[in-house]
N, C-alpha and C. Protein backbone atom coordinates (compact mmCIF):
# COMPACT_ATOMS: atom_id res chain seq x y z
N UNK A 1 10.92 30.72 -0.56
CA UNK A 1 11.56 29.59 0.08
C UNK A 1 11.47 28.38 -0.85
N UNK A 2 12.52 27.58 -0.86
CA UNK A 2 12.55 26.34 -1.65
C UNK A 2 12.52 25.17 -0.68
N UNK A 3 11.61 24.24 -0.92
CA UNK A 3 11.45 23.07 -0.07
C UNK A 3 11.72 21.83 -0.90
N UNK A 4 12.60 20.96 -0.42
CA UNK A 4 12.83 19.68 -1.09
C UNK A 4 11.82 18.68 -0.51
N UNK A 5 11.13 18.00 -1.42
CA UNK A 5 10.16 16.97 -1.06
C UNK A 5 10.71 15.62 -1.48
N UNK A 6 10.62 14.64 -0.62
CA UNK A 6 11.12 13.32 -0.99
C UNK A 6 10.67 12.28 0.00
N UNK A 7 11.12 11.07 -0.26
CA UNK A 7 10.77 9.99 0.65
C UNK A 7 11.05 8.63 0.06
N UNK A 8 10.55 7.67 0.76
CA UNK A 8 10.78 6.27 0.42
C UNK A 8 10.06 5.89 -0.87
N UNK A 9 10.70 5.05 -1.65
CA UNK A 9 10.08 4.58 -2.90
C UNK A 9 8.93 3.63 -2.64
N UNK A 10 8.89 3.04 -1.45
CA UNK A 10 7.82 2.09 -1.13
C UNK A 10 6.53 2.77 -0.67
N UNK A 11 6.56 4.08 -0.49
CA UNK A 11 5.37 4.82 -0.07
C UNK A 11 4.86 5.61 -1.27
N UNK A 12 3.62 5.33 -1.66
CA UNK A 12 3.12 5.95 -2.89
C UNK A 12 1.88 6.81 -2.69
N UNK A 13 1.54 7.11 -1.45
CA UNK A 13 0.43 8.02 -1.21
C UNK A 13 0.83 9.03 -0.13
N UNK A 14 0.21 10.18 -0.18
CA UNK A 14 0.55 11.24 0.75
C UNK A 14 -0.50 11.33 1.85
N UNK A 15 -0.08 11.27 3.10
CA UNK A 15 -1.03 11.37 4.21
C UNK A 15 -1.62 12.78 4.34
N UNK A 16 -2.76 12.88 5.00
CA UNK A 16 -3.48 14.15 5.14
C UNK A 16 -2.62 15.25 5.75
N UNK A 17 -1.83 14.94 6.78
CA UNK A 17 -1.01 15.97 7.43
C UNK A 17 0.04 16.53 6.46
N UNK A 18 0.57 15.68 5.60
CA UNK A 18 1.55 16.13 4.60
C UNK A 18 0.85 17.00 3.56
N UNK A 19 -0.33 16.60 3.11
CA UNK A 19 -1.08 17.40 2.14
C UNK A 19 -1.42 18.78 2.71
N UNK A 20 -1.79 18.83 3.96
CA UNK A 20 -2.09 20.12 4.60
C UNK A 20 -0.87 21.02 4.61
N UNK A 21 0.30 20.45 4.93
CA UNK A 21 1.53 21.26 4.96
C UNK A 21 1.88 21.74 3.56
N UNK A 22 1.77 20.85 2.57
CA UNK A 22 2.05 21.26 1.19
C UNK A 22 1.09 22.37 0.76
N UNK A 23 -0.20 22.21 1.10
CA UNK A 23 -1.18 23.25 0.74
C UNK A 23 -0.81 24.60 1.35
N UNK A 24 -0.35 24.60 2.59
CA UNK A 24 0.03 25.89 3.21
C UNK A 24 1.22 26.50 2.47
N UNK A 25 2.19 25.66 2.08
CA UNK A 25 3.33 26.18 1.32
C UNK A 25 2.91 26.66 -0.06
N UNK A 26 2.01 25.94 -0.70
CA UNK A 26 1.49 26.36 -2.01
C UNK A 26 0.80 27.72 -1.88
N UNK A 27 -0.02 27.88 -0.85
CA UNK A 27 -0.72 29.15 -0.63
C UNK A 27 0.24 30.30 -0.40
N UNK A 28 1.43 29.99 0.13
CA UNK A 28 2.45 31.02 0.35
C UNK A 28 3.34 31.21 -0.88
N UNK A 29 3.15 30.40 -1.92
CA UNK A 29 3.90 30.56 -3.17
C UNK A 29 5.31 30.01 -3.16
N UNK A 30 5.60 29.08 -2.26
CA UNK A 30 6.95 28.52 -2.18
C UNK A 30 7.26 27.64 -3.39
N UNK A 31 8.55 27.37 -3.57
CA UNK A 31 9.04 26.53 -4.67
C UNK A 31 9.43 25.16 -4.12
N UNK A 32 9.36 24.15 -4.99
CA UNK A 32 9.66 22.79 -4.58
C UNK A 32 10.68 22.15 -5.51
N UNK A 33 11.59 21.37 -4.92
CA UNK A 33 12.44 20.44 -5.65
C UNK A 33 11.89 19.05 -5.35
N UNK A 34 11.71 18.27 -6.42
CA UNK A 34 11.24 16.89 -6.27
C UNK A 34 12.08 16.01 -7.18
N UNK A 35 12.41 14.82 -6.70
CA UNK A 35 13.10 13.85 -7.53
C UNK A 35 12.14 13.22 -8.52
N UNK A 36 12.66 12.29 -9.28
CA UNK A 36 11.88 11.69 -10.38
C UNK A 36 11.58 10.21 -10.17
N UNK A 37 11.77 9.70 -8.95
CA UNK A 37 11.59 8.27 -8.69
C UNK A 37 10.11 7.92 -8.51
N UNK A 38 9.85 6.63 -8.53
CA UNK A 38 8.52 6.14 -8.19
C UNK A 38 8.33 6.32 -6.68
N UNK A 39 7.16 6.04 -6.19
CA UNK A 39 6.90 6.13 -4.76
C UNK A 39 6.58 7.55 -4.34
N UNK A 40 7.26 8.02 -3.30
CA UNK A 40 6.96 9.33 -2.72
C UNK A 40 7.17 10.47 -3.73
N UNK A 41 8.26 10.41 -4.50
CA UNK A 41 8.50 11.47 -5.50
C UNK A 41 7.30 11.58 -6.45
N UNK A 42 6.88 10.45 -6.95
CA UNK A 42 5.74 10.44 -7.89
C UNK A 42 4.46 10.92 -7.20
N UNK A 43 4.26 10.55 -5.95
CA UNK A 43 3.07 10.99 -5.22
C UNK A 43 3.07 12.51 -5.05
N UNK A 44 4.23 13.09 -4.68
CA UNK A 44 4.33 14.55 -4.59
C UNK A 44 4.04 15.19 -5.94
N UNK A 45 4.63 14.63 -6.99
CA UNK A 45 4.40 15.17 -8.33
C UNK A 45 2.92 15.10 -8.72
N UNK A 46 2.30 13.97 -8.44
CA UNK A 46 0.88 13.81 -8.78
C UNK A 46 0.05 14.89 -8.11
N UNK A 47 0.27 15.10 -6.82
CA UNK A 47 -0.53 16.09 -6.08
C UNK A 47 -0.33 17.50 -6.63
N UNK A 48 0.92 17.89 -6.83
CA UNK A 48 1.19 19.25 -7.32
C UNK A 48 0.79 19.42 -8.78
N UNK A 49 0.87 18.36 -9.57
CA UNK A 49 0.42 18.42 -10.95
C UNK A 49 -1.09 18.60 -11.03
N UNK A 50 -1.82 17.84 -10.21
CA UNK A 50 -3.28 17.96 -10.20
C UNK A 50 -3.72 19.35 -9.73
N UNK A 51 -2.89 20.00 -8.92
CA UNK A 51 -3.17 21.36 -8.46
C UNK A 51 -2.70 22.41 -9.48
N UNK A 52 -2.09 21.95 -10.59
CA UNK A 52 -1.51 22.84 -11.60
C UNK A 52 -0.54 23.84 -10.98
N UNK A 53 0.24 23.37 -10.02
CA UNK A 53 1.18 24.25 -9.33
C UNK A 53 2.45 24.39 -10.16
N UNK A 54 2.83 25.63 -10.50
CA UNK A 54 3.96 25.80 -11.42
C UNK A 54 5.35 25.82 -10.78
N UNK A 55 5.46 26.10 -9.49
CA UNK A 55 6.77 26.36 -8.88
C UNK A 55 7.47 25.07 -8.44
N UNK A 56 7.75 24.22 -9.42
CA UNK A 56 8.38 22.93 -9.16
C UNK A 56 9.53 22.72 -10.13
N UNK A 57 10.62 22.16 -9.64
CA UNK A 57 11.71 21.71 -10.49
C UNK A 57 11.91 20.23 -10.18
N UNK A 58 11.95 19.41 -11.22
CA UNK A 58 12.19 17.98 -11.06
C UNK A 58 13.66 17.72 -11.34
N UNK A 59 14.31 17.02 -10.40
CA UNK A 59 15.73 16.73 -10.55
C UNK A 59 15.96 15.23 -10.68
N UNK A 60 16.95 14.89 -11.49
CA UNK A 60 17.28 13.48 -11.71
C UNK A 60 18.77 13.32 -11.94
N UNK A 61 19.30 12.20 -11.48
CA UNK A 61 20.66 11.82 -11.88
C UNK A 61 20.65 10.48 -12.56
N UNK A 62 19.49 10.07 -13.03
CA UNK A 62 19.36 8.78 -13.71
C UNK A 62 19.74 8.87 -15.19
N UNK A 63 20.09 10.06 -15.66
CA UNK A 63 20.45 10.24 -17.06
C UNK A 63 19.25 10.61 -17.91
N UNK A 64 18.08 10.28 -17.44
CA UNK A 64 16.83 10.62 -18.10
C UNK A 64 15.80 10.81 -16.99
N UNK A 65 14.85 11.71 -17.17
CA UNK A 65 13.83 11.94 -16.16
C UNK A 65 12.78 10.85 -16.28
N UNK A 66 12.62 10.11 -15.20
CA UNK A 66 11.69 8.98 -15.18
C UNK A 66 10.25 9.43 -14.97
N UNK A 67 10.04 10.48 -14.21
CA UNK A 67 8.71 11.01 -13.95
C UNK A 67 8.78 12.53 -13.93
N UNK A 68 7.92 13.17 -14.69
CA UNK A 68 7.71 14.62 -14.65
C UNK A 68 6.25 14.85 -15.00
N UNK A 69 5.39 14.62 -14.03
CA UNK A 69 3.95 14.61 -14.27
C UNK A 69 3.37 15.99 -14.54
N UNK A 70 4.06 17.04 -14.11
CA UNK A 70 3.57 18.40 -14.32
C UNK A 70 4.25 19.12 -15.46
N UNK A 71 5.08 18.41 -16.22
CA UNK A 71 5.85 19.02 -17.30
C UNK A 71 6.59 20.27 -16.82
N UNK A 72 7.19 20.14 -15.63
CA UNK A 72 7.93 21.25 -15.02
C UNK A 72 9.35 21.30 -15.58
N UNK A 73 10.07 22.37 -15.29
CA UNK A 73 11.49 22.41 -15.65
C UNK A 73 12.23 21.25 -14.98
N UNK A 74 13.24 20.75 -15.66
CA UNK A 74 14.02 19.64 -15.12
C UNK A 74 15.47 20.06 -14.96
N UNK A 75 16.13 19.39 -14.05
CA UNK A 75 17.57 19.58 -13.92
C UNK A 75 18.19 18.20 -13.81
N UNK A 76 19.03 17.88 -14.79
CA UNK A 76 19.77 16.62 -14.76
C UNK A 76 21.09 16.87 -14.05
N UNK A 77 21.35 16.08 -13.03
CA UNK A 77 22.57 16.21 -12.24
C UNK A 77 23.46 15.03 -12.58
N UNK A 78 24.60 15.33 -13.18
CA UNK A 78 25.53 14.28 -13.59
C UNK A 78 26.37 13.83 -12.41
N UNK A 79 26.22 12.56 -12.06
CA UNK A 79 27.00 12.03 -10.94
C UNK A 79 28.44 11.73 -11.33
N UNK A 80 28.66 11.52 -12.62
CA UNK A 80 30.00 11.13 -13.07
C UNK A 80 30.30 9.66 -12.79
N UNK A 81 29.34 8.93 -12.26
CA UNK A 81 29.55 7.52 -11.93
C UNK A 81 29.03 6.62 -13.04
N UNK A 82 29.67 5.50 -13.22
CA UNK A 82 29.22 4.53 -14.21
C UNK A 82 28.18 3.57 -13.61
N UNK A 83 28.18 3.46 -12.30
CA UNK A 83 27.28 2.57 -11.58
C UNK A 83 25.83 3.02 -11.70
N UNK A 84 24.92 2.09 -11.61
CA UNK A 84 23.50 2.40 -11.59
C UNK A 84 22.93 2.21 -10.19
N UNK A 85 23.79 2.18 -9.17
CA UNK A 85 23.35 1.96 -7.80
C UNK A 85 22.76 3.24 -7.22
N UNK A 86 22.35 3.15 -5.96
CA UNK A 86 21.80 4.31 -5.27
C UNK A 86 22.79 5.47 -5.22
N UNK A 87 24.06 5.20 -5.42
CA UNK A 87 25.09 6.24 -5.33
C UNK A 87 24.89 7.35 -6.36
N UNK A 88 24.39 7.01 -7.54
CA UNK A 88 24.19 8.07 -8.55
C UNK A 88 23.13 9.06 -8.10
N UNK A 89 22.14 8.58 -7.36
CA UNK A 89 21.06 9.45 -6.92
C UNK A 89 21.49 10.36 -5.77
N UNK A 90 22.56 9.99 -5.09
CA UNK A 90 23.06 10.82 -3.99
C UNK A 90 23.47 12.20 -4.50
N UNK A 91 23.99 12.28 -5.72
CA UNK A 91 24.40 13.58 -6.27
C UNK A 91 23.20 14.50 -6.44
N UNK A 92 22.11 13.96 -6.95
CA UNK A 92 20.88 14.74 -7.10
C UNK A 92 20.35 15.13 -5.73
N UNK A 93 20.34 14.19 -4.81
CA UNK A 93 19.83 14.46 -3.46
C UNK A 93 20.64 15.53 -2.76
N UNK A 94 21.96 15.44 -2.85
CA UNK A 94 22.81 16.44 -2.18
C UNK A 94 22.63 17.81 -2.82
N UNK A 95 22.44 17.85 -4.13
CA UNK A 95 22.21 19.14 -4.80
C UNK A 95 20.89 19.75 -4.32
N UNK A 96 19.86 18.92 -4.24
CA UNK A 96 18.56 19.43 -3.78
C UNK A 96 18.66 19.95 -2.35
N UNK A 97 19.29 19.18 -1.45
CA UNK A 97 19.37 19.61 -0.06
C UNK A 97 20.27 20.83 0.11
N UNK A 98 21.30 20.96 -0.74
CA UNK A 98 22.18 22.11 -0.60
C UNK A 98 21.50 23.40 -1.08
N UNK A 99 20.63 23.30 -2.07
CA UNK A 99 19.99 24.49 -2.62
C UNK A 99 18.64 24.81 -1.97
N UNK A 100 18.06 23.86 -1.26
CA UNK A 100 16.76 24.09 -0.61
C UNK A 100 16.95 24.82 0.72
N UNK A 101 15.87 25.41 1.18
CA UNK A 101 15.86 26.08 2.47
C UNK A 101 15.33 25.18 3.59
N UNK A 102 14.55 24.17 3.21
CA UNK A 102 13.93 23.26 4.17
C UNK A 102 13.53 21.98 3.42
N UNK A 103 13.05 21.01 4.17
CA UNK A 103 12.64 19.76 3.53
C UNK A 103 11.46 19.12 4.21
N UNK A 104 10.81 18.25 3.46
CA UNK A 104 9.75 17.40 3.98
C UNK A 104 9.95 16.02 3.38
N UNK A 105 10.17 15.04 4.25
CA UNK A 105 10.42 13.67 3.81
C UNK A 105 9.35 12.74 4.36
N UNK A 106 9.00 11.74 3.57
CA UNK A 106 8.10 10.69 4.03
C UNK A 106 8.97 9.45 4.22
N UNK A 107 9.00 8.94 5.45
CA UNK A 107 9.95 7.89 5.78
C UNK A 107 9.27 6.63 6.28
N UNK A 108 9.69 5.50 5.77
CA UNK A 108 9.15 4.20 6.17
C UNK A 108 9.97 3.56 7.30
N UNK A 109 10.91 4.29 7.84
CA UNK A 109 11.83 3.84 8.91
C UNK A 109 12.81 2.78 8.41
N UNK A 110 12.92 2.62 7.09
CA UNK A 110 13.87 1.67 6.52
C UNK A 110 14.76 2.28 5.44
N UNK A 111 14.31 3.32 4.77
CA UNK A 111 15.04 3.89 3.65
C UNK A 111 16.22 4.74 4.13
N UNK A 112 17.43 4.24 3.88
CA UNK A 112 18.64 4.98 4.26
C UNK A 112 18.81 6.22 3.39
N UNK A 113 18.34 6.17 2.15
CA UNK A 113 18.44 7.34 1.28
C UNK A 113 17.60 8.51 1.78
N UNK A 114 16.38 8.21 2.20
CA UNK A 114 15.51 9.25 2.75
C UNK A 114 16.12 9.82 4.03
N UNK A 115 16.60 8.95 4.90
CA UNK A 115 17.21 9.42 6.15
C UNK A 115 18.47 10.24 5.87
N UNK A 116 19.22 9.89 4.84
CA UNK A 116 20.40 10.69 4.46
C UNK A 116 20.00 12.12 4.13
N UNK A 117 18.88 12.27 3.44
CA UNK A 117 18.40 13.62 3.11
C UNK A 117 18.06 14.41 4.37
N UNK A 118 17.40 13.76 5.31
CA UNK A 118 17.05 14.42 6.57
C UNK A 118 18.31 14.85 7.31
N UNK A 119 19.25 13.92 7.46
CA UNK A 119 20.50 14.23 8.16
C UNK A 119 21.24 15.36 7.48
N UNK A 120 21.30 15.31 6.16
CA UNK A 120 22.02 16.34 5.40
C UNK A 120 21.38 17.71 5.61
N UNK A 121 20.07 17.79 5.55
CA UNK A 121 19.40 19.08 5.77
C UNK A 121 19.70 19.62 7.16
N UNK A 122 19.57 18.77 8.17
CA UNK A 122 19.79 19.23 9.55
C UNK A 122 21.24 19.61 9.80
N UNK A 123 22.18 18.90 9.21
CA UNK A 123 23.60 19.26 9.37
C UNK A 123 23.89 20.63 8.78
N UNK A 124 23.10 21.02 7.80
CA UNK A 124 23.26 22.34 7.18
C UNK A 124 22.48 23.42 7.94
N UNK A 125 21.83 23.03 9.03
CA UNK A 125 21.06 23.99 9.82
C UNK A 125 19.70 24.30 9.24
N UNK A 126 19.19 23.40 8.40
CA UNK A 126 17.90 23.61 7.76
C UNK A 126 16.84 22.73 8.44
N UNK A 127 15.65 23.25 8.52
CA UNK A 127 14.54 22.52 9.14
C UNK A 127 14.09 21.39 8.22
N UNK A 128 13.67 20.29 8.85
CA UNK A 128 13.12 19.18 8.06
C UNK A 128 11.95 18.56 8.80
N UNK A 129 10.86 18.44 8.09
CA UNK A 129 9.69 17.73 8.60
C UNK A 129 9.76 16.31 8.06
N UNK A 130 9.36 15.35 8.91
CA UNK A 130 9.38 13.95 8.50
C UNK A 130 8.04 13.32 8.86
N UNK A 131 7.40 12.75 7.85
CA UNK A 131 6.21 11.93 8.10
C UNK A 131 6.75 10.53 8.37
N UNK A 132 6.49 10.02 9.55
CA UNK A 132 6.98 8.71 9.93
C UNK A 132 5.83 7.73 9.73
N UNK A 133 5.94 6.96 8.66
CA UNK A 133 4.83 6.10 8.22
C UNK A 133 4.33 5.15 9.30
N UNK A 134 5.20 4.36 9.94
CA UNK A 134 4.66 3.41 10.92
C UNK A 134 3.91 4.09 12.08
N UNK A 135 4.35 5.32 12.44
CA UNK A 135 3.72 6.03 13.55
C UNK A 135 2.58 6.93 13.08
N UNK A 136 2.43 7.10 11.77
CA UNK A 136 1.43 8.01 11.19
C UNK A 136 1.51 9.38 11.86
N UNK A 137 2.73 9.92 11.87
CA UNK A 137 2.96 11.17 12.58
C UNK A 137 3.90 12.07 11.78
N UNK A 138 3.57 13.36 11.74
CA UNK A 138 4.43 14.35 11.10
C UNK A 138 5.25 15.00 12.20
N UNK A 139 6.57 14.80 12.15
CA UNK A 139 7.48 15.35 13.15
C UNK A 139 8.29 16.46 12.53
N UNK A 140 8.69 17.40 13.37
CA UNK A 140 9.53 18.49 12.92
C UNK A 140 10.85 18.41 13.67
N UNK A 141 11.94 18.33 12.92
CA UNK A 141 13.27 18.36 13.52
C UNK A 141 13.95 19.62 13.03
N UNK A 142 14.40 20.44 13.98
CA UNK A 142 15.06 21.67 13.59
C UNK A 142 16.54 21.68 13.97
N UNK A 143 17.01 20.57 14.58
CA UNK A 143 18.44 20.47 14.80
C UNK A 143 18.84 18.99 14.81
N UNK A 144 20.11 18.77 14.56
CA UNK A 144 20.62 17.42 14.41
C UNK A 144 20.58 16.65 15.73
N UNK A 145 20.77 17.34 16.85
CA UNK A 145 20.75 16.66 18.15
C UNK A 145 19.39 16.02 18.44
N UNK A 146 18.31 16.74 18.14
CA UNK A 146 16.98 16.17 18.39
C UNK A 146 16.74 14.95 17.50
N UNK A 147 17.19 14.99 16.27
CA UNK A 147 17.05 13.84 15.38
C UNK A 147 17.89 12.67 15.91
N UNK A 148 19.11 12.96 16.31
CA UNK A 148 20.00 11.91 16.81
C UNK A 148 19.39 11.16 17.99
N UNK A 149 18.78 11.89 18.92
CA UNK A 149 18.14 11.24 20.06
C UNK A 149 16.99 10.35 19.59
N UNK A 150 16.22 10.83 18.66
CA UNK A 150 15.08 10.07 18.15
C UNK A 150 15.54 8.83 17.39
N UNK A 151 16.67 8.93 16.70
CA UNK A 151 17.17 7.82 15.88
C UNK A 151 17.79 6.68 16.68
N UNK A 152 17.85 6.80 17.97
CA UNK A 152 18.35 5.70 18.79
C UNK A 152 17.53 4.43 18.55
N UNK A 153 16.30 4.60 18.11
CA UNK A 153 15.42 3.46 17.80
C UNK A 153 15.78 2.78 16.48
N UNK A 154 16.59 3.44 15.65
CA UNK A 154 16.90 2.95 14.31
C UNK A 154 18.41 2.98 14.04
N UNK A 155 19.20 2.30 14.86
CA UNK A 155 20.67 2.42 14.73
C UNK A 155 21.20 1.90 13.39
N UNK A 156 20.63 0.83 12.86
CA UNK A 156 21.15 0.26 11.61
C UNK A 156 20.90 1.18 10.42
N UNK A 157 19.71 1.76 10.34
CA UNK A 157 19.39 2.66 9.23
C UNK A 157 20.21 3.94 9.35
N UNK A 158 20.36 4.43 10.58
CA UNK A 158 21.18 5.63 10.80
C UNK A 158 22.62 5.39 10.36
N UNK A 159 23.17 4.25 10.73
CA UNK A 159 24.54 3.91 10.35
C UNK A 159 24.68 3.86 8.83
N UNK A 160 23.74 3.22 8.14
CA UNK A 160 23.79 3.14 6.68
C UNK A 160 23.67 4.53 6.06
N UNK A 161 22.78 5.36 6.58
CA UNK A 161 22.62 6.72 6.04
C UNK A 161 23.91 7.52 6.21
N UNK A 162 24.53 7.40 7.37
CA UNK A 162 25.78 8.13 7.61
C UNK A 162 26.91 7.60 6.73
N UNK A 163 26.94 6.29 6.48
CA UNK A 163 27.94 5.72 5.57
C UNK A 163 27.76 6.29 4.17
N UNK A 164 26.51 6.37 3.73
CA UNK A 164 26.25 6.92 2.39
C UNK A 164 26.68 8.37 2.28
N UNK A 165 26.42 9.16 3.32
CA UNK A 165 26.84 10.56 3.30
C UNK A 165 28.36 10.67 3.30
N UNK A 166 29.04 9.84 4.07
CA UNK A 166 30.51 9.86 4.11
C UNK A 166 31.09 9.46 2.75
N UNK A 167 30.49 8.45 2.13
CA UNK A 167 30.94 8.01 0.81
C UNK A 167 30.75 9.13 -0.22
N UNK A 168 29.62 9.81 -0.13
CA UNK A 168 29.38 10.92 -1.04
C UNK A 168 30.43 12.01 -0.82
N UNK A 169 30.70 12.35 0.44
CA UNK A 169 31.68 13.40 0.74
C UNK A 169 33.05 13.07 0.12
N UNK A 170 33.45 11.81 0.18
CA UNK A 170 34.73 11.40 -0.43
C UNK A 170 34.68 11.58 -1.94
N UNK A 171 33.56 11.21 -2.55
CA UNK A 171 33.43 11.38 -4.00
C UNK A 171 33.46 12.85 -4.39
N UNK A 172 32.82 13.69 -3.58
CA UNK A 172 32.80 15.12 -3.85
C UNK A 172 34.21 15.70 -3.80
N UNK A 173 34.98 15.32 -2.78
CA UNK A 173 36.36 15.80 -2.65
C UNK A 173 37.18 15.35 -3.86
N UNK A 174 37.04 14.09 -4.23
CA UNK A 174 37.78 13.57 -5.39
C UNK A 174 37.39 14.32 -6.66
N UNK A 175 36.11 14.58 -6.81
CA UNK A 175 35.62 15.29 -7.99
C UNK A 175 36.22 16.69 -8.06
N UNK A 176 36.31 17.38 -6.91
CA UNK A 176 36.90 18.72 -6.87
C UNK A 176 38.41 18.69 -7.08
N UNK A 177 39.06 17.60 -6.68
CA UNK A 177 40.50 17.47 -6.94
C UNK A 177 40.75 17.35 -8.44
N UNK A 178 39.87 16.66 -9.13
CA UNK A 178 40.00 16.48 -10.58
C UNK A 178 39.71 17.79 -11.30
N UNK A 179 38.66 18.49 -10.85
CA UNK A 179 38.28 19.75 -11.49
C UNK A 179 37.84 20.74 -10.41
N UNK A 180 38.74 21.59 -9.94
CA UNK A 180 38.39 22.55 -8.89
C UNK A 180 37.31 23.56 -9.31
N UNK A 181 37.05 23.64 -10.61
CA UNK A 181 36.02 24.56 -11.09
C UNK A 181 34.63 23.93 -11.09
N UNK A 182 34.54 22.66 -10.68
CA UNK A 182 33.26 21.96 -10.64
C UNK A 182 32.29 22.75 -9.78
N UNK A 183 31.20 23.18 -10.36
CA UNK A 183 30.24 24.04 -9.65
C UNK A 183 28.98 23.29 -9.23
N UNK A 184 29.03 21.98 -9.24
CA UNK A 184 27.84 21.23 -8.89
C UNK A 184 27.29 21.61 -7.52
N UNK A 185 28.17 21.93 -6.59
CA UNK A 185 27.73 22.24 -5.23
C UNK A 185 28.20 23.60 -4.77
N UNK A 186 28.12 24.57 -5.65
CA UNK A 186 28.40 25.95 -5.28
C UNK A 186 29.84 26.23 -5.18
């Protein structure tokens, strides 16, 4: 099984419940996709690097890998965008969520990018665990309806996350119109 790990850039440590879940996956020999950003990505990398865990791929769409603490294989995902905004990272995020079987995100209840990953995984019918920082709670969402009900508390972040996913979908369609052989997303 491949699990995508990610979260907010403002969170730089992993809570005990998240470490326990990662340890159980490590003991089962699962594989991980992790981004290369500071914050949660770096915290996941630090933990798995210190454990000398080999089954990790670091993905980036920044043009260069900013963090690869375990010297793992890397995959650079070309967004095709000239912008340096969060939009370039959406290509890497969508690739990770499309190829993963499940996800674990650490969320500060403000990061629209992290929430986009959760929504994307659930829309694909994949399970996603979310550590909700303000509540200090690890939640499991296995369908989009349960997440939607829970997100009533965060309408602005949900709206922004959905806008980002819609914008990405338009870019993906345009990219395929230009080159129907584009295999970035299968």
